[in-house]
Amino acid sequence: MRGAFGLIGLLATLVMVGFLARQQLKAVQAPLPIVAMPVTTPSSSLPVESTTANPAPRDPSQPSPQIQQQMKQALEGAMQARPVREEQ
């Protein structure tokens, strides 16, 4: 009897974890909507679709230049000599 209750509890826990994992995966995999904002040009009064809302795809294994610059600045800041306080 005790073993049956343990098995039922284990199966109930497994069902709850599976349900929560499925809900989380649905939330993570949901595509984000890309909204193209109309932009008017000075030469015409008709709206033109903006090309900045949908940038060209990049290779995800290559870091962006902005991240590279931030890492370089952080590394240079960490490598600078810090003043040593004299002990009294």
N, C-alpha and C. Protein backbone atom coordinates (compact mmCIF):
# COMPACT_ATOMS: atom_id res chain seq x y z
N MET A 1 0.82 -1.19 0.00
CA MET A 1 0.00 0.00 0.00
C MET A 1 0.87 1.26 0.00
N ARG A 2 1.90 1.23 0.82
CA ARG A 2 2.79 2.38 0.91
C ARG A 2 3.52 2.60 -0.42
N GLY A 3 3.93 1.51 -1.08
CA GLY A 3 4.60 1.59 -2.37
C GLY A 3 3.68 2.15 -3.45
N ALA A 4 2.40 1.82 -3.39
CA ALA A 4 1.44 2.32 -4.38
C ALA A 4 1.28 3.83 -4.24
N PHE A 5 1.18 4.30 -2.99
CA PHE A 5 1.08 5.75 -2.77
C PHE A 5 2.34 6.48 -3.24
N GLY A 6 3.47 5.87 -3.02
CA GLY A 6 4.73 6.46 -3.49
C GLY A 6 4.77 6.54 -5.00
N LEU A 7 4.31 5.50 -5.68
CA LEU A 7 4.30 5.48 -7.14
C LEU A 7 3.30 6.51 -7.68
N ILE A 8 2.14 6.60 -7.05
CA ILE A 8 1.13 7.58 -7.48
C ILE A 8 1.66 9.00 -7.27
N GLY A 9 2.31 9.26 -6.16
CA GLY A 9 2.88 10.59 -5.91
C GLY A 9 3.97 10.92 -6.91
N LEU A 10 4.80 9.93 -7.24
CA LEU A 10 5.86 10.14 -8.22
C LEU A 10 5.29 10.45 -9.60
N LEU A 11 4.25 9.71 -10.00
CA LEU A 11 3.62 9.97 -11.30
C LEU A 11 2.93 11.34 -11.33
N ALA A 12 2.29 11.73 -10.24
CA ALA A 12 1.64 13.04 -10.18
C ALA A 12 2.67 14.15 -10.29
N THR A 13 3.80 13.98 -9.62
CA THR A 13 4.88 14.98 -9.69
C THR A 13 5.44 15.06 -11.10
N LEU A 14 5.61 13.92 -11.73
CA LEU A 14 6.12 13.88 -13.10
C LEU A 14 5.17 14.57 -14.07
N VAL A 15 3.87 14.36 -13.89
CA VAL A 15 2.87 15.01 -14.75
C VAL A 15 2.92 16.52 -14.56
N MET A 16 3.03 16.99 -13.31
CA MET A 16 3.07 18.44 -13.06
C MET A 16 4.34 19.07 -13.64
N VAL A 17 5.47 18.42 -13.48
CA VAL A 17 6.72 18.96 -14.03
C VAL A 17 6.66 18.98 -15.55
N GLY A 18 6.13 17.93 -16.16
CA GLY A 18 5.99 17.91 -17.62
C GLY A 18 5.08 19.01 -18.12
N PHE A 19 3.98 19.25 -17.41
CA PHE A 19 3.06 20.31 -17.81
C PHE A 19 3.73 21.68 -17.71
N LEU A 20 4.43 21.93 -16.61
CA LEU A 20 5.11 23.22 -16.45
C LEU A 20 6.23 23.40 -17.48
N ALA A 21 6.95 22.33 -17.77
CA ALA A 21 8.01 22.43 -18.77
C ALA A 21 7.43 22.74 -20.14
N ARG A 22 6.31 22.12 -20.48
CA ARG A 22 5.67 22.39 -21.77
C ARG A 22 5.20 23.83 -21.85
N GLN A 23 4.64 24.36 -20.76
CA GLN A 23 4.20 25.75 -20.75
C GLN A 23 5.38 26.70 -20.93
N GLN A 24 6.49 26.42 -20.29
CA GLN A 24 7.67 27.27 -20.42
C GLN A 24 8.22 27.23 -21.83
N LEU A 25 8.26 26.04 -22.42
CA LEU A 25 8.78 25.92 -23.79
C LEU A 25 7.89 26.65 -24.79
N LYS A 26 6.59 26.62 -24.56
CA LYS A 26 5.68 27.37 -25.44
C LYS A 26 5.96 28.87 -25.35
N ALA A 27 6.21 29.35 -24.14
CA ALA A 27 6.46 30.78 -23.94
C ALA A 27 7.78 31.20 -24.57
N VAL A 28 8.79 30.33 -24.49
CA VAL A 28 10.10 30.67 -25.03
C VAL A 28 10.11 30.60 -26.55
N GLN A 29 9.40 29.65 -27.12
CA GLN A 29 9.43 29.45 -28.56
C GLN A 29 8.46 30.34 -29.31
N ALA A 30 7.63 31.10 -28.63
CA ALA A 30 6.67 31.97 -29.30
C ALA A 30 7.41 33.05 -30.07
N PRO A 31 7.14 33.19 -31.37
CA PRO A 31 7.84 34.22 -32.15
C PRO A 31 7.37 35.62 -31.76
N LEU A 32 8.30 36.53 -31.72
CA LEU A 32 7.98 37.92 -31.42
C LEU A 32 7.51 38.60 -32.69
N PRO A 33 6.45 39.39 -32.61
CA PRO A 33 5.99 40.07 -33.81
C PRO A 33 6.94 41.20 -34.19
N ILE A 34 7.21 41.31 -35.47
CA ILE A 34 8.06 42.37 -35.99
C ILE A 34 7.15 43.41 -36.62
N VAL A 35 7.19 44.59 -36.09
CA VAL A 35 6.32 45.65 -36.56
C VAL A 35 7.15 46.61 -37.39
N ALA A 36 6.77 46.77 -38.65
CA ALA A 36 7.44 47.73 -39.52
C ALA A 36 6.70 49.05 -39.40
N MET A 37 7.40 50.08 -38.91
CA MET A 37 6.79 51.38 -38.74
C MET A 37 6.88 52.17 -40.04
N PRO A 38 5.78 52.77 -40.45
CA PRO A 38 5.84 53.57 -41.68
C PRO A 38 6.68 54.82 -41.47
N VAL A 39 7.49 55.12 -42.46
CA VAL A 39 8.36 56.29 -42.42
C VAL A 39 8.04 57.13 -43.65
N THR A 40 7.86 58.43 -43.44
CA THR A 40 7.60 59.30 -44.58
C THR A 40 8.89 59.94 -45.02
N THR A 41 9.07 60.04 -46.31
CA THR A 41 10.26 60.68 -46.85
C THR A 41 9.91 62.11 -47.22
N PRO A 42 10.90 63.00 -47.22
CA PRO A 42 10.62 64.39 -47.55
C PRO A 42 10.13 64.56 -48.99
N SER A 43 10.52 63.68 -49.90
CA SER A 43 10.16 63.84 -51.30
C SER A 43 8.75 63.37 -51.60
N SER A 44 8.18 62.52 -50.74
CA SER A 44 6.82 62.05 -51.00
C SER A 44 6.04 62.03 -49.69
N SER A 45 4.74 62.11 -49.80
CA SER A 45 3.91 62.08 -48.61
C SER A 45 3.39 60.67 -48.33
N LEU A 46 3.75 59.69 -49.18
CA LEU A 46 3.30 58.32 -48.96
C LEU A 46 4.22 57.62 -47.97
N PRO A 47 3.67 56.85 -47.06
CA PRO A 47 4.55 56.14 -46.11
C PRO A 47 5.34 55.03 -46.82
N VAL A 48 6.55 54.82 -46.35
CA VAL A 48 7.44 53.82 -46.90
C VAL A 48 7.79 52.86 -45.76
N GLU A 49 7.83 51.56 -46.05
CA GLU A 49 8.17 50.58 -45.02
C GLU A 49 9.62 50.78 -44.58
N SER A 50 9.85 50.75 -43.31
CA SER A 50 11.19 50.91 -42.77
C SER A 50 11.96 49.61 -42.88
N THR A 51 13.20 49.68 -43.32
CA THR A 51 14.02 48.47 -43.44
C THR A 51 14.79 48.20 -42.16
N THR A 52 14.77 49.12 -41.21
CA THR A 52 15.51 48.91 -39.97
C THR A 52 14.75 48.00 -39.01
N ALA A 53 13.45 47.80 -39.21
CA ALA A 53 12.67 46.95 -38.32
C ALA A 53 13.00 45.47 -38.54
N ASN A 54 13.49 45.11 -39.71
CA ASN A 54 13.80 43.72 -40.01
C ASN A 54 15.23 43.65 -40.54
N PRO A 55 16.24 43.64 -39.64
CA PRO A 55 17.63 43.64 -40.10
C PRO A 55 18.00 42.32 -40.75
N ALA A 56 19.08 42.33 -41.51
CA ALA A 56 19.55 41.13 -42.19
C ALA A 56 20.00 40.11 -41.15
N PRO A 57 19.70 38.83 -41.37
CA PRO A 57 20.11 37.82 -40.39
C PRO A 57 21.62 37.68 -40.33
N ARG A 58 22.13 37.41 -39.10
CA ARG A 58 23.56 37.25 -38.91
C ARG A 58 23.85 35.83 -38.44
N ASP A 59 25.10 35.47 -38.52
CA ASP A 59 25.55 34.19 -38.02
C ASP A 59 25.61 34.28 -36.49
N PRO A 60 24.80 33.50 -35.76
CA PRO A 60 24.77 33.64 -34.30
C PRO A 60 26.06 33.23 -33.62
N SER A 61 26.94 32.53 -34.31
CA SER A 61 28.19 32.13 -33.66
C SER A 61 29.21 33.27 -33.65
N GLN A 62 28.98 34.33 -34.40
CA GLN A 62 29.87 35.49 -34.44
C GLN A 62 29.33 36.59 -33.55
N PRO A 63 30.13 37.11 -32.60
CA PRO A 63 29.65 38.19 -31.75
C PRO A 63 29.52 39.50 -32.53
N SER A 64 28.59 40.32 -32.11
CA SER A 64 28.38 41.59 -32.79
C SER A 64 29.53 42.54 -32.50
N PRO A 65 29.77 43.51 -33.37
CA PRO A 65 30.85 44.48 -33.13
C PRO A 65 30.63 45.28 -31.84
N GLN A 66 29.38 45.55 -31.48
CA GLN A 66 29.11 46.30 -30.27
C GLN A 66 29.54 45.49 -29.04
N ILE A 67 29.24 44.21 -29.02
CA ILE A 67 29.64 43.37 -27.89
C ILE A 67 31.15 43.25 -27.83
N GLN A 68 31.80 43.12 -29.00
CA GLN A 68 33.26 43.05 -29.04
C GLN A 68 33.87 44.32 -28.45
N GLN A 69 33.32 45.48 -28.79
CA GLN A 69 33.82 46.75 -28.28
C GLN A 69 33.64 46.84 -26.76
N GLN A 70 32.48 46.39 -26.26
CA GLN A 70 32.23 46.43 -24.83
C GLN A 70 33.19 45.51 -24.08
N MET A 71 33.44 44.34 -24.63
CA MET A 71 34.37 43.40 -23.99
C MET A 71 35.79 43.97 -23.99
N LYS A 72 36.17 44.63 -25.07
CA LYS A 72 37.51 45.22 -25.16
C LYS A 72 37.67 46.31 -24.11
N GLN A 73 36.64 47.16 -23.96
CA GLN A 73 36.70 48.23 -22.97
C GLN A 73 36.75 47.66 -21.55
N ALA A 74 35.97 46.62 -21.29
CA ALA A 74 35.98 46.01 -19.96
C ALA A 74 37.33 45.38 -19.65
N LEU A 75 37.93 44.74 -20.64
CA LEU A 75 39.24 44.12 -20.45
C LEU A 75 40.32 45.16 -20.20
N GLU A 76 40.29 46.26 -20.97
CA GLU A 76 41.27 47.32 -20.78
C GLU A 76 41.11 47.97 -19.41
N GLY A 77 39.87 48.13 -18.95
CA GLY A 77 39.64 48.71 -17.63
C GLY A 77 40.13 47.80 -16.52
N ALA A 78 39.99 46.50 -16.71
CA ALA A 78 40.44 45.55 -15.69
C ALA A 78 41.96 45.44 -15.65
N MET A 79 42.62 45.70 -16.77
CA MET A 79 44.08 45.55 -16.84
C MET A 79 44.82 46.77 -16.34
N GLN A 80 44.13 47.90 -16.15
CA GLN A 80 44.81 49.11 -15.69
C GLN A 80 45.28 48.91 -14.26
N ALA A 81 46.46 49.46 -13.96
CA ALA A 81 47.04 49.35 -12.62
C ALA A 81 46.20 50.16 -11.64
N ARG A 82 45.96 49.58 -10.51
CA ARG A 82 45.22 50.26 -9.47
C ARG A 82 46.18 50.79 -8.43
N PRO A 83 45.89 51.94 -7.84
CA PRO A 83 46.81 52.48 -6.84
C PRO A 83 46.86 51.58 -5.60
N VAL A 84 48.06 51.40 -5.09
CA VAL A 84 48.27 50.57 -3.91
C VAL A 84 48.26 51.49 -2.68
N ARG A 85 47.42 51.15 -1.73
CA ARG A 85 47.36 51.95 -0.50
C ARG A 85 48.45 51.48 0.43
N GLU A 86 49.10 52.46 1.02
CA GLU A 86 50.17 52.13 1.98
C GLU A 86 49.54 51.78 3.32
N GLU A 87 50.05 50.70 3.91
CA GLU A 87 49.53 50.29 5.20
C GLU A 87 50.22 51.09 6.29
N GLN A 88 49.49 51.45 7.31
CA GLN A 88 50.05 52.26 8.39
C GLN A 88 50.12 51.48 9.67
